[in-house]
PDB file of all heavy atoms in Angstrom:
ATOM      1  N   ILE A   1      78.032 106.004  82.664  1.00  0.00           N
ATOM      2  CA  ILE A   1      78.584 106.029  83.991  1.00  0.00           C
ATOM      3  C   ILE A   1      78.517 104.683  84.652  1.00  0.00           C
ATOM      4  O   ILE A   1      77.437 104.050  84.669  1.00  0.00           O
ATOM      5  CB  ILE A   1      77.848 107.086  84.889  1.00  0.00           C
ATOM      6  CG1 ILE A   1      78.025 108.543  84.274  1.00  0.00           C
ATOM      7  CG2 ILE A   1      78.367 107.074  86.321  1.00  0.00           C
ATOM      8  CD1 ILE A   1      77.280 109.563  84.975  1.00  0.00           C
ATOM      9  N   ALA A   2      79.593 104.215  85.173  1.00  0.00           N
ATOM     10  CA  ALA A   2      79.640 102.853  85.791  1.00  0.00           C
ATOM     11  C   ALA A   2      79.669 103.019  87.298  1.00  0.00           C
ATOM     12  O   ALA A   2      80.124 104.039  87.852  1.00  0.00           O
ATOM     13  CB  ALA A   2      80.861 102.106  85.293  1.00  0.00           C
ATOM     14  N   LEU A   3      79.181 101.966  87.947  1.00  0.00           N
ATOM     15  CA  LEU A   3      79.140 101.984  89.417  1.00  0.00           C
ATOM     16  C   LEU A   3      79.803 100.729  89.982  1.00  0.00           C
ATOM     17  O   LEU A   3      79.902  99.692  89.300  1.00  0.00           O
ATOM     18  CB  LEU A   3      77.658 102.023  89.966  1.00  0.00           C
ATOM     19  CG  LEU A   3      76.825 103.261  89.654  1.00  0.00           C
ATOM     20  CD1 LEU A   3      76.161 103.100  88.299  1.00  0.00           C
ATOM     21  CD2 LEU A   3      75.786 103.439  90.694  1.00  0.00           C
ATOM     22  N   ALA A   4      80.248 100.803  91.227  1.00  0.00           N
ATOM     23  CA  ALA A   4      80.866  99.680  91.931  1.00  0.00           C
ATOM     24  C   ALA A   4      81.069 100.121  93.398  1.00  0.00           C
ATOM     25  O   ALA A   4      80.876 101.229  93.748  1.00  0.00           O
ATOM     26  CB  ALA A   4      82.247  99.293  91.378  1.00  0.00           C
ATOM     27  N   PRO A   5      81.310  99.090  94.242  1.00  0.00           N
ATOM     28  CA  PRO A   5      81.581  99.487  95.684  1.00  0.00           C
ATOM     29  C   PRO A   5      82.631 100.508  95.735  1.00  0.00           C
ATOM     30  O   PRO A   5      83.728 100.392  95.201  1.00  0.00           O
ATOM     31  CB  PRO A   5      82.032  98.149  96.228  1.00  0.00           C
ATOM     32  CG  PRO A   5      81.235  97.081  95.471  1.00  0.00           C
ATOM     33  CD  PRO A   5      81.316  97.655  94.051  1.00  0.00           C
ATOM     34  N   GLY A   6      82.370 101.583  96.537  1.00  0.00           N
ATOM     35  CA  GLY A   6      83.296 102.697  96.475  1.00  0.00           C
ATOM     36  C   GLY A   6      84.516 102.575  97.350  1.00  0.00           C
ATOM     37  O   GLY A   6      84.414 102.007  98.456  1.00  0.00           O
ATOM     38  N   MET A   7      85.589 103.098  96.899  1.00  0.00           N
ATOM     39  CA  MET A   7      86.798 103.218  97.684  1.00  0.00           C
ATOM     40  C   MET A   7      86.588 104.286  98.704  1.00  0.00           C
ATOM     41  O   MET A   7      86.002 105.344  98.436  1.00  0.00           O
ATOM     42  CB  MET A   7      87.974 103.616  96.780  1.00  0.00           C
ATOM     43  CG  MET A   7      88.379 102.530  95.785  1.00  0.00           C
ATOM     44  SD  MET A   7      89.092 101.089  96.577  1.00  0.00           S
ATOM     45  CE  MET A   7      90.594 101.756  97.270  1.00  0.00           C
ATOM     46  N   GLY A   8      87.066 104.106  99.885  1.00  0.00           N
ATOM     47  CA  GLY A   8      86.810 104.998 101.014  1.00  0.00           C
ATOM     48  C   GLY A   8      85.654 104.493 101.783  1.00  0.00           C
ATOM     49  O   GLY A   8      85.701 104.282 103.061  1.00  0.00           O
ATOM     50  N   LEU A   9      84.497 104.193 101.155  1.00  0.00           N
ATOM     51  CA  LEU A   9      83.368 103.600 101.865  1.00  0.00           C
ATOM     52  C   LEU A   9      83.680 102.210 102.301  1.00  0.00           C
ATOM     53  O   LEU A   9      83.329 101.788 103.376  1.00  0.00           O
ATOM     54  CB  LEU A   9      82.150 103.630 100.933  1.00  0.00           C
ATOM     55  CG  LEU A   9      81.526 104.992 100.762  1.00  0.00           C
ATOM     56  CD1 LEU A   9      80.674 105.019  99.501  1.00  0.00           C
ATOM     57  CD2 LEU A   9      80.696 105.383 101.970  1.00  0.00           C
ATOM     58  N   ASN A  10      84.483 101.493 101.491  1.00  0.00           N
ATOM     59  CA  ASN A  10      84.837 100.093 101.897  1.00  0.00           C
ATOM     60  C   ASN A  10      85.848 100.155 103.019  1.00  0.00           C
ATOM     61  O   ASN A  10      85.879  99.352 103.886  1.00  0.00           O
ATOM     62  CB  ASN A  10      85.361  99.265 100.645  1.00  0.00           C
ATOM     63  CG  ASN A  10      86.529  99.915  99.890  1.00  0.00           C
ATOM     64  OD1 ASN A  10      87.018 100.924 100.331  1.00  0.00           O
ATOM     65  ND2 ASN A  10      86.933  99.291  98.836  1.00  0.00           N
ATOM     66  N   ALA A  11      86.792 101.146 102.951  1.00  0.00           N
ATOM     67  CA  ALA A  11      87.773 101.359 104.053  1.00  0.00           C
ATOM     68  C   ALA A  11      87.035 101.636 105.315  1.00  0.00           C
ATOM     69  O   ALA A  11      87.454 101.212 106.362  1.00  0.00           O
ATOM     70  CB  ALA A  11      88.791 102.380 103.631  1.00  0.00           C
ATOM     71  N   PHE A  12      86.071 102.540 105.288  1.00  0.00           N
ATOM     72  CA  PHE A  12      85.250 102.904 106.416  1.00  0.00           C
ATOM     73  C   PHE A  12      84.605 101.648 107.050  1.00  0.00           C
ATOM     74  O   PHE A  12      84.663 101.422 108.228  1.00  0.00           O
ATOM     75  CB  PHE A  12      84.279 103.955 106.090  1.00  0.00           C
ATOM     76  CG  PHE A  12      83.310 104.274 107.287  1.00  0.00           C
ATOM     77  CD1 PHE A  12      83.701 104.906 108.365  1.00  0.00           C
ATOM     78  CD2 PHE A  12      81.961 103.855 107.146  1.00  0.00           C
ATOM     79  CE1 PHE A  12      82.804 105.167 109.460  1.00  0.00           C
ATOM     80  CE2 PHE A  12      81.041 104.087 108.168  1.00  0.00           C
ATOM     81  CZ  PHE A  12      81.522 104.796 109.329  1.00  0.00           C
ATOM     82  N   PHE A  13      83.979 100.878 106.123  1.00  0.00           N
ATOM     83  CA  PHE A  13      83.354  99.658 106.568  1.00  0.00           C
ATOM     84  C   PHE A  13      84.316  98.708 107.272  1.00  0.00           C
ATOM     85  O   PHE A  13      83.930  98.184 108.352  1.00  0.00           O
ATOM     86  CB  PHE A  13      82.800  98.957 105.253  1.00  0.00           C
ATOM     87  CG  PHE A  13      82.030  97.692 105.470  1.00  0.00           C
ATOM     88  CD1 PHE A  13      80.666  97.632 105.345  1.00  0.00           C
ATOM     89  CD2 PHE A  13      82.644  96.504 105.759  1.00  0.00           C
ATOM     90  CE1 PHE A  13      79.953  96.467 105.544  1.00  0.00           C
ATOM     91  CE2 PHE A  13      81.993  95.280 105.950  1.00  0.00           C
ATOM     92  CZ  PHE A  13      80.613  95.312 105.878  1.00  0.00           C
ATOM     93  N   ALA A  14      85.453  98.477 106.711  1.00  0.00           N
ATOM     94  CA  ALA A  14      86.385  97.480 107.243  1.00  0.00           C
ATOM     95  C   ALA A  14      87.149  98.000 108.405  1.00  0.00           C
ATOM     96  O   ALA A  14      87.195  97.375 109.466  1.00  0.00           O
ATOM     97  CB  ALA A  14      87.336  96.997 106.159  1.00  0.00           C
ATOM     98  N   TYR A  15      87.798  99.154 108.249  1.00  0.00           N
ATOM     99  CA  TYR A  15      88.727  99.621 109.272  1.00  0.00           C
ATOM    100  C   TYR A  15      88.142 100.426 110.405  1.00  0.00           C
ATOM    101  O   TYR A  15      88.734 100.372 111.489  1.00  0.00           O
ATOM    102  CB  TYR A  15      89.873 100.447 108.563  1.00  0.00           C
ATOM    103  CG  TYR A  15      90.793  99.565 107.707  1.00  0.00           C
ATOM    104  CD1 TYR A  15      90.418  99.400 106.376  1.00  0.00           C
ATOM    105  CD2 TYR A  15      91.821  98.971 108.256  1.00  0.00           C
ATOM    106  CE1 TYR A  15      91.320  98.581 105.561  1.00  0.00           C
ATOM    107  CE2 TYR A  15      92.669  98.126 107.402  1.00  0.00           C
ATOM    108  CZ  TYR A  15      92.306  97.916 106.109  1.00  0.00           C
ATOM    109  OH  TYR A  15      93.152  97.104 105.306  1.00  0.00           O
ATOM    110  N   THR A  16      87.084 101.134 110.123  1.00  0.00           N
ATOM    111  CA  THR A  16      86.425 101.906 111.187  1.00  0.00           C
ATOM    112  C   THR A  16      85.302 101.115 111.878  1.00  0.00           C
ATOM    113  O   THR A  16      85.372 100.911 113.126  1.00  0.00           O
ATOM    114  CB  THR A  16      85.872 103.236 110.660  1.00  0.00           C
ATOM    115  OG1 THR A  16      86.922 104.033 110.058  1.00  0.00           O
ATOM    116  CG2 THR A  16      85.176 104.055 111.813  1.00  0.00           C
ATOM    117  N   VAL A  17      84.433 100.578 111.096  1.00  0.00           N
ATOM    118  CA  VAL A  17      83.191  99.941 111.695  1.00  0.00           C
ATOM    119  C   VAL A  17      83.558  98.543 112.227  1.00  0.00           C
ATOM    120  O   VAL A  17      83.238  98.265 113.419  1.00  0.00           O
ATOM    121  CB  VAL A  17      82.063  99.753 110.556  1.00  0.00           C
ATOM    122  CG1 VAL A  17      80.844  99.124 111.215  1.00  0.00           C
ATOM    123  CG2 VAL A  17      81.706 101.117 110.016  1.00  0.00           C
ATOM    124  N   VAL A  18      84.203  97.734 111.418  1.00  0.00           N
ATOM    125  CA  VAL A  18      84.541  96.326 111.916  1.00  0.00           C
ATOM    126  C   VAL A  18      85.723  96.314 112.830  1.00  0.00           C
ATOM    127  O   VAL A  18      85.594  95.834 113.868  1.00  0.00           O
ATOM    128  CB  VAL A  18      84.715  95.377 110.655  1.00  0.00           C
ATOM    129  CG1 VAL A  18      85.060  93.997 111.138  1.00  0.00           C
ATOM    130  CG2 VAL A  18      83.434  95.360 109.816  1.00  0.00           C
ATOM    131  N   LEU A  19      86.815  96.824 112.347  1.00  0.00           N
ATOM    132  CA  LEU A  19      88.056  96.755 113.094  1.00  0.00           C
ATOM    133  C   LEU A  19      88.075  97.761 114.320  1.00  0.00           C
ATOM    134  O   LEU A  19      88.455  97.412 115.392  1.00  0.00           O
ATOM    135  CB  LEU A  19      89.277  97.051 112.218  1.00  0.00           C
ATOM    136  CG  LEU A  19      90.627  96.843 112.813  1.00  0.00           C
ATOM    137  CD1 LEU A  19      90.841  95.377 113.209  1.00  0.00           C
ATOM    138  CD2 LEU A  19      91.748  97.209 111.863  1.00  0.00           C
ATOM    139  N   GLY A  20      87.620  98.990 114.067  1.00  0.00           N
ATOM    140  CA  GLY A  20      87.591 100.010 115.117  1.00  0.00           C
ATOM    141  C   GLY A  20      86.505  99.831 116.102  1.00  0.00           C
ATOM    142  O   GLY A  20      86.688  99.805 117.315  1.00  0.00           O
ATOM    143  N   TYR A  21      85.292  99.751 115.621  1.00  0.00           N
ATOM    144  CA  TYR A  21      84.102  99.703 116.597  1.00  0.00           C
ATOM    145  C   TYR A  21      83.910  98.255 117.044  1.00  0.00           C
ATOM    146  O   TYR A  21      83.148  98.033 118.013  1.00  0.00           O
ATOM    147  CB  TYR A  21      82.883 100.167 115.959  1.00  0.00           C
ATOM    148  CG  TYR A  21      82.856 101.698 115.581  1.00  0.00           C
ATOM    149  CD1 TYR A  21      81.908 102.178 114.607  1.00  0.00           C
ATOM    150  CD2 TYR A  21      83.767 102.546 116.092  1.00  0.00           C
ATOM    151  CE1 TYR A  21      81.988 103.490 114.314  1.00  0.00           C
ATOM    152  CE2 TYR A  21      83.763 103.885 115.775  1.00  0.00           C
ATOM    153  CZ  TYR A  21      82.880 104.385 114.877  1.00  0.00           C
ATOM    154  OH  TYR A  21      82.886 105.701 114.565  1.00  0.00           O
ATOM    155  N   GLY A  22      84.436  97.273 116.350  1.00  0.00           N
ATOM    156  CA  GLY A  22      84.210  95.875 116.737  1.00  0.00           C
ATOM    157  C   GLY A  22      82.798  95.425 116.356  1.00  0.00           C
ATOM    158  O   GLY A  22      82.273  94.443 116.932  1.00  0.00           O
ATOM    159  N   ILE A  23      82.176  96.062 115.361  1.00  0.00           N
ATOM    160  CA  ILE A  23      80.882  95.690 114.899  1.00  0.00           C
ATOM    161  C   ILE A  23      81.003  94.521 113.884  1.00  0.00           C
ATOM    162  O   ILE A  23      81.757  94.664 112.921  1.00  0.00           O
ATOM    163  CB  ILE A  23      80.172  96.895 114.237  1.00  0.00           C
ATOM    164  CG1 ILE A  23      79.912  98.006 115.309  1.00  0.00           C
ATOM    165  CG2 ILE A  23      78.883  96.450 113.576  1.00  0.00           C
ATOM    166  CD1 ILE A  23      79.270  99.253 114.740  1.00  0.00           C
ATOM    167  N   PRO A  24      80.239  93.462 114.068  1.00  0.00           N
ATOM    168  CA  PRO A  24      80.359  92.339 113.091  1.00  0.00           C
ATOM    169  C   PRO A  24      80.009  92.843 111.700  1.00  0.00           C
ATOM    170  O   PRO A  24      79.169  93.701 111.500  1.00  0.00           O
ATOM    171  CB  PRO A  24      79.333  91.328 113.646  1.00  0.00           C
ATOM    172  CG  PRO A  24      79.214  91.661 115.051  1.00  0.00           C
ATOM    173  CD  PRO A  24      79.391  93.127 115.196  1.00  0.00           C
ATOM    174  N   TRP A  25      80.642  92.201 110.709  1.00  0.00           N
ATOM    175  CA  TRP A  25      80.416  92.576 109.321  1.00  0.00           C
ATOM    176  C   TRP A  25      78.943  92.445 108.882  1.00  0.00           C
ATOM    177  O   TRP A  25      78.449  93.175 108.040  1.00  0.00           O
ATOM    178  CB  TRP A  25      81.390  91.873 108.370  1.00  0.00           C
ATOM    179  CG  TRP A  25      81.217  90.376 108.322  1.00  0.00           C
ATOM    180  CD1 TRP A  25      82.049  89.516 109.030  1.00  0.00           C
ATOM    181  CD2 TRP A  25      80.325  89.574 107.673  1.00  0.00           C
ATOM    182  NE1 TRP A  25      81.662  88.192 108.787  1.00  0.00           N
ATOM    183  CE2 TRP A  25      80.586  88.233 107.931  1.00  0.00           C
ATOM    184  CE3 TRP A  25      79.302  89.864 106.733  1.00  0.00           C
ATOM    185  CZ2 TRP A  25      79.830  87.179 107.331  1.00  0.00           C
ATOM    186  CZ3 TRP A  25      78.583  88.811 106.157  1.00  0.00           C
ATOM    187  CH2 TRP A  25      78.830  87.494 106.458  1.00  0.00           C
ATOM    188  N   GLU A  26      78.288  91.440 109.504  1.00  0.00           N
ATOM    189  CA  GLU A  26      76.850  91.280 109.199  1.00  0.00           C
ATOM    190  C   GLU A  26      76.011  92.481 109.533  1.00  0.00           C
ATOM    191  O   GLU A  26      75.205  92.959 108.746  1.00  0.00           O
ATOM    192  CB  GLU A  26      76.345  90.050 109.882  1.00  0.00           C
ATOM    193  CG  GLU A  26      77.019  88.698 109.523  1.00  0.00           C
ATOM    194  CD  GLU A  26      78.168  88.393 110.438  1.00  0.00           C
ATOM    195  OE1 GLU A  26      78.723  89.272 111.033  1.00  0.00           O
ATOM    196  OE2 GLU A  26      78.563  87.209 110.451  1.00  0.00           O
ATOM    197  N   THR A  27      76.309  93.036 110.709  1.00  0.00           N
ATOM    198  CA  THR A  27      75.615  94.301 111.134  1.00  0.00           C
ATOM    199  C   THR A  27      76.043  95.465 110.311  1.00  0.00           C
ATOM    200  O   THR A  27      75.205  96.344 109.994  1.00  0.00           O
ATOM    201  CB  THR A  27      75.893  94.522 112.625  1.00  0.00           C
ATOM    202  OG1 THR A  27      75.662  93.410 113.411  1.00  0.00           O
ATOM    203  CG2 THR A  27      75.087  95.703 113.133  1.00  0.00           C
ATOM    204  N   ALA A  28      77.235  95.499 109.916  1.00  0.00           N
ATOM    205  CA  ALA A  28      77.757  96.593 109.068  1.00  0.00           C
ATOM    206  C   ALA A  28      77.069  96.572 107.694  1.00  0.00           C
ATOM    207  O   ALA A  28      76.632  97.605 107.176  1.00  0.00           O
ATOM    208  CB  ALA A  28      79.257  96.470 108.899  1.00  0.00           C
ATOM    209  N   LEU A  29      76.819  95.352 107.168  1.00  0.00           N
ATOM    210  CA  LEU A  29      76.033  95.227 105.919  1.00  0.00           C
ATOM    211  C   LEU A  29      74.639  95.712 106.113  1.00  0.00           C
ATOM    212  O   LEU A  29      74.058  96.362 105.203  1.00  0.00           O
ATOM    213  CB  LEU A  29      76.033  93.826 105.462  1.00  0.00           C
ATOM    214  CG  LEU A  29      77.382  93.286 104.767  1.00  0.00           C
ATOM    215  CD1 LEU A  29      77.236  91.797 104.409  1.00  0.00           C
ATOM    216  CD2 LEU A  29      77.681  94.070 103.546  1.00  0.00           C
ATOM    217  N   ALA A  30      74.054  95.480 107.265  1.00  0.00           N
ATOM    218  CA  ALA A  30      72.720  95.983 107.564  1.00  0.00           C
ATOM    219  C   ALA A  30      72.710  97.447 107.557  1.00  0.00           C
ATOM    220  O   ALA A  30      71.719  98.096 107.070  1.00  0.00           O
ATOM    221  CB  ALA A  30      72.233  95.422 108.918  1.00  0.00           C
ATOM    222  N   GLY A  31      73.784  98.044 108.014  1.00  0.00           N
ATOM    223  CA  GLY A  31      73.895  99.570 107.980  1.00  0.00           C
ATOM    224  C   GLY A  31      73.961 100.045 106.583  1.00  0.00           C
ATOM    225  O   GLY A  31      73.376 101.115 106.259  1.00  0.00           O
ATOM    226  N   VAL A  32      74.652  99.366 105.740  1.00  0.00           N
ATOM    227  CA  VAL A  32      74.722  99.723 104.320  1.00  0.00           C
ATOM    228  C   VAL A  32      73.374  99.630 103.623  1.00  0.00           C
ATOM    229  O   VAL A  32      72.930 100.462 102.922  1.00  0.00           O
ATOM    230  CB  VAL A  32      75.731  98.820 103.591  1.00  0.00           C
ATOM    231  CG1 VAL A  32      75.688  99.087 102.036  1.00  0.00           C
ATOM    232  CG2 VAL A  32      77.154  98.987 104.083  1.00  0.00           C
ATOM    233  N   LEU A  33      72.617  98.572 103.966  1.00  0.00           N
ATOM    234  CA  LEU A  33      71.297  98.321 103.409  1.00  0.00           C
ATOM    235  C   LEU A  33      70.354  99.516 103.909  1.00  0.00           C
ATOM    236  O   LEU A  33      69.593 100.059 103.090  1.00  0.00           O
ATOM    237  CB  LEU A  33      70.669  97.037 103.901  1.00  0.00           C
ATOM    238  CG  LEU A  33      69.290  96.714 103.550  1.00  0.00           C
ATOM    239  CD1 LEU A  33      69.079  96.746 102.036  1.00  0.00           C
ATOM    240  CD2 LEU A  33      68.819  95.377 104.087  1.00  0.00           C
ATOM    241  N   ALA A  34      70.442  99.849 105.222  1.00  0.00           N
ATOM    242  CA  ALA A  34      69.638 100.940 105.649  1.00  0.00           C
ATOM    243  C   ALA A  34      69.914 102.282 104.957  1.00  0.00           C
ATOM    244  O   ALA A  34      68.960 102.984 104.647  1.00  0.00           O
ATOM    245  CB  ALA A  34      69.910 101.125 107.214  1.00  0.00           C
ATOM    246  N   SER A  35      71.188 102.595 104.761  1.00  0.00           N
ATOM    247  CA  SER A  35      71.610 103.757 104.048  1.00  0.00           C
ATOM    248  C   SER A  35      71.062 103.745 102.570  1.00  0.00           C
ATOM    249  O   SER A  35      70.569 104.808 102.093  1.00  0.00           O
ATOM    250  CB  SER A  35      73.131 103.948 104.063  1.00  0.00           C
ATOM    251  OG  SER A  35      73.768 103.033 103.210  1.00  0.00           O
ATOM    252  N   GLY A  36      71.108 102.585 101.947  1.00  0.00           N
ATOM    253  CA  GLY A  36      70.548 102.467 100.645  1.00  0.00           C
ATOM    254  C   GLY A  36      69.076 102.712 100.559  1.00  0.00           C
ATOM    255  O   GLY A  36      68.493 103.397  99.662  1.00  0.00           O
ATOM    256  N   LEU A  37      68.375 102.174 101.496  1.00  0.00           N
ATOM    257  CA  LEU A  37      66.902 102.374 101.579  1.00  0.00           C
ATOM    258  C   LEU A  37      66.541 103.847 101.860  1.00  0.00           C
ATOM    259  O   LEU A  37      65.639 104.387 101.188  1.00  0.00           O
ATOM    260  CB  LEU A  37      66.315 101.515 102.639  1.00  0.00           C
ATOM    261  CG  LEU A  37      66.313 100.022 102.423  1.00  0.00           C
ATOM    262  CD1 LEU A  37      65.877  99.206 103.617  1.00  0.00           C
ATOM    263  CD2 LEU A  37      65.541  99.559 101.174  1.00  0.00           C
ATOM    264  N   ILE A  38      67.285 104.463 102.777  1.00  0.00           N
ATOM    265  CA  ILE A  38      67.144 105.956 102.970  1.00  0.00           C
ATOM    266  C   ILE A  38      67.406 106.685 101.688  1.00  0.00           C
ATOM    267  O   ILE A  38      66.681 107.636 101.367  1.00  0.00           O
ATOM    268  CB  ILE A  38      67.987 106.351 104.145  1.00  0.00           C
ATOM    269  CG1 ILE A  38      67.591 105.746 105.495  1.00  0.00           C
ATOM    270  CG2 ILE A  38      67.934 107.880 104.296  1.00  0.00           C
ATOM    271  CD1 ILE A  38      68.568 105.926 106.587  1.00  0.00           C
ATOM    272  N   PHE A  39      68.466 106.331 100.985  1.00  0.00           N
ATOM    273  CA  PHE A  39      68.829 106.992  99.696  1.00  0.00           C
ATOM    274  C   PHE A  39      67.626 106.924  98.756  1.00  0.00           C
ATOM    275  O   PHE A  39      67.303 107.937  98.059  1.00  0.00           O
ATOM    276  CB  PHE A  39      70.017 106.287  99.058  1.00  0.00           C
ATOM    277  CG  PHE A  39      71.360 106.932  99.447  1.00  0.00           C
ATOM    278  CD1 PHE A  39      72.416 106.103  99.645  1.00  0.00           C
ATOM    279  CD2 PHE A  39      71.417 108.295  99.646  1.00  0.00           C
ATOM    280  CE1 PHE A  39      73.661 106.673 100.010  1.00  0.00           C
ATOM    281  CE2 PHE A  39      72.656 108.793  99.957  1.00  0.00           C
ATOM    282  CZ  PHE A  39      73.742 108.002 100.142  1.00  0.00           C
ATOM    283  N   ILE A  40      67.011 105.796  98.661  1.00  0.00           N
ATOM    284  CA  ILE A  40      65.902 105.584  97.712  1.00  0.00           C
ATOM    285  C   ILE A  40      64.766 106.560  98.052  1.00  0.00           C
ATOM    286  O   ILE A  40      64.187 107.286  97.198  1.00  0.00           O
ATOM    287  CB  ILE A  40      65.325 104.131  97.715  1.00  0.00           C
ATOM    288  CG1 ILE A  40      66.469 103.248  97.046  1.00  0.00           C
ATOM    289  CG2 ILE A  40      64.062 104.104  96.934  1.00  0.00           C
ATOM    290  CD1 ILE A  40      66.077 101.820  96.998  1.00  0.00           C
ATOM    291  N   VAL A  41      64.434 106.647  99.315  1.00  0.00           N
ATOM    292  CA  VAL A  41      63.364 107.519  99.852  1.00  0.00           C
ATOM    293  C   VAL A  41      63.705 109.036  99.552  1.00  0.00           C
ATOM    294  O   VAL A  41      62.894 109.765  99.079  1.00  0.00           O
ATOM    295  CB  VAL A  41      63.054 107.346 101.351  1.00  0.00           C
ATOM    296  CG1 VAL A  41      62.108 108.359 101.834  1.00  0.00           C
ATOM    297  CG2 VAL A  41      62.576 105.917 101.601  1.00  0.00           C
ATOM    298  N   LEU A  42      64.977 109.345  99.879  1.00  0.00           N
ATOM    299  CA  LEU A  42      65.427 110.788  99.691  1.00  0.00           C
ATOM    300  C   LEU A  42      65.405 111.123  98.244  1.00  0.00           C
ATOM    301  O   LEU A  42      65.189 112.265  97.833  1.00  0.00           O
ATOM    302  CB  LEU A  42      66.845 110.917 100.299  1.00  0.00           C
ATOM    303  CG  LEU A  42      66.882 110.824 101.801  1.00  0.00           C
ATOM    304  CD1 LEU A  42      68.370 111.024 102.335  1.00  0.00           C
ATOM    305  CD2 LEU A  42      65.983 111.952 102.440  1.00  0.00           C
ATOM    306  N   THR A  43      65.790 110.120  97.397  1.00  0.00           N
ATOM    307  CA  THR A  43      65.866 110.369  95.946  1.00  0.00           C
ATOM    308  C   THR A  43      64.502 110.584  95.341  1.00  0.00           C
ATOM    309  O   THR A  43      64.178 111.482  94.531  1.00  0.00           O
ATOM    310  CB  THR A  43      66.607 109.224  95.247  1.00  0.00           C
ATOM    311  OG1 THR A  43      67.961 109.081  95.688  1.00  0.00           O
ATOM    312  CG2 THR A  43      66.635 109.513  93.732  1.00  0.00           C
ATOM    313  N   LEU A  44      63.556 109.660  95.640  1.00  0.00           N
ATOM    314  CA  LEU A  44      62.164 109.734  95.194  1.00  0.00           C
ATOM    315  C   LEU A  44      61.439 110.989  95.649  1.00  0.00           C
ATOM    316  O   LEU A  44      60.542 111.500  94.909  1.00  0.00           O
ATOM    317  CB  LEU A  44      61.406 108.456  95.545  1.00  0.00           C
ATOM    318  CG  LEU A  44      61.903 107.152  94.989  1.00  0.00           C
ATOM    319  CD1 LEU A  44      61.134 105.952  95.498  1.00  0.00           C
ATOM    320  CD2 LEU A  44      61.861 107.182  93.473  1.00  0.00           C
ATOM    321  N   THR A  45      61.781 111.514  96.832  1.00  0.00           N
ATOM    322  CA  THR A  45      61.103 112.701  97.336  1.00  0.00           C
ATOM    323  C   THR A  45      61.829 113.987  96.959  1.00  0.00           C
ATOM    324  O   THR A  45      61.272 115.052  97.252  1.00  0.00           O
ATOM    325  CB  THR A  45      60.985 112.597  98.907  1.00  0.00           C
ATOM    326  OG1 THR A  45      62.388 112.540  99.413  1.00  0.00           O
ATOM    327  CG2 THR A  45      60.127 111.467  99.382  1.00  0.00           C
TER     328      THR A  45
END
């Protein structure tokens, strides 16, 4: 099974978070990082 940045998630990042909410892409990346860290905790538990 291969992985890569997901379609849909990238559209949400660009068109909703950055373009719609006006959130800088740097902050949006921080949100992605937070979700990844939460994922790790939820997976391990």
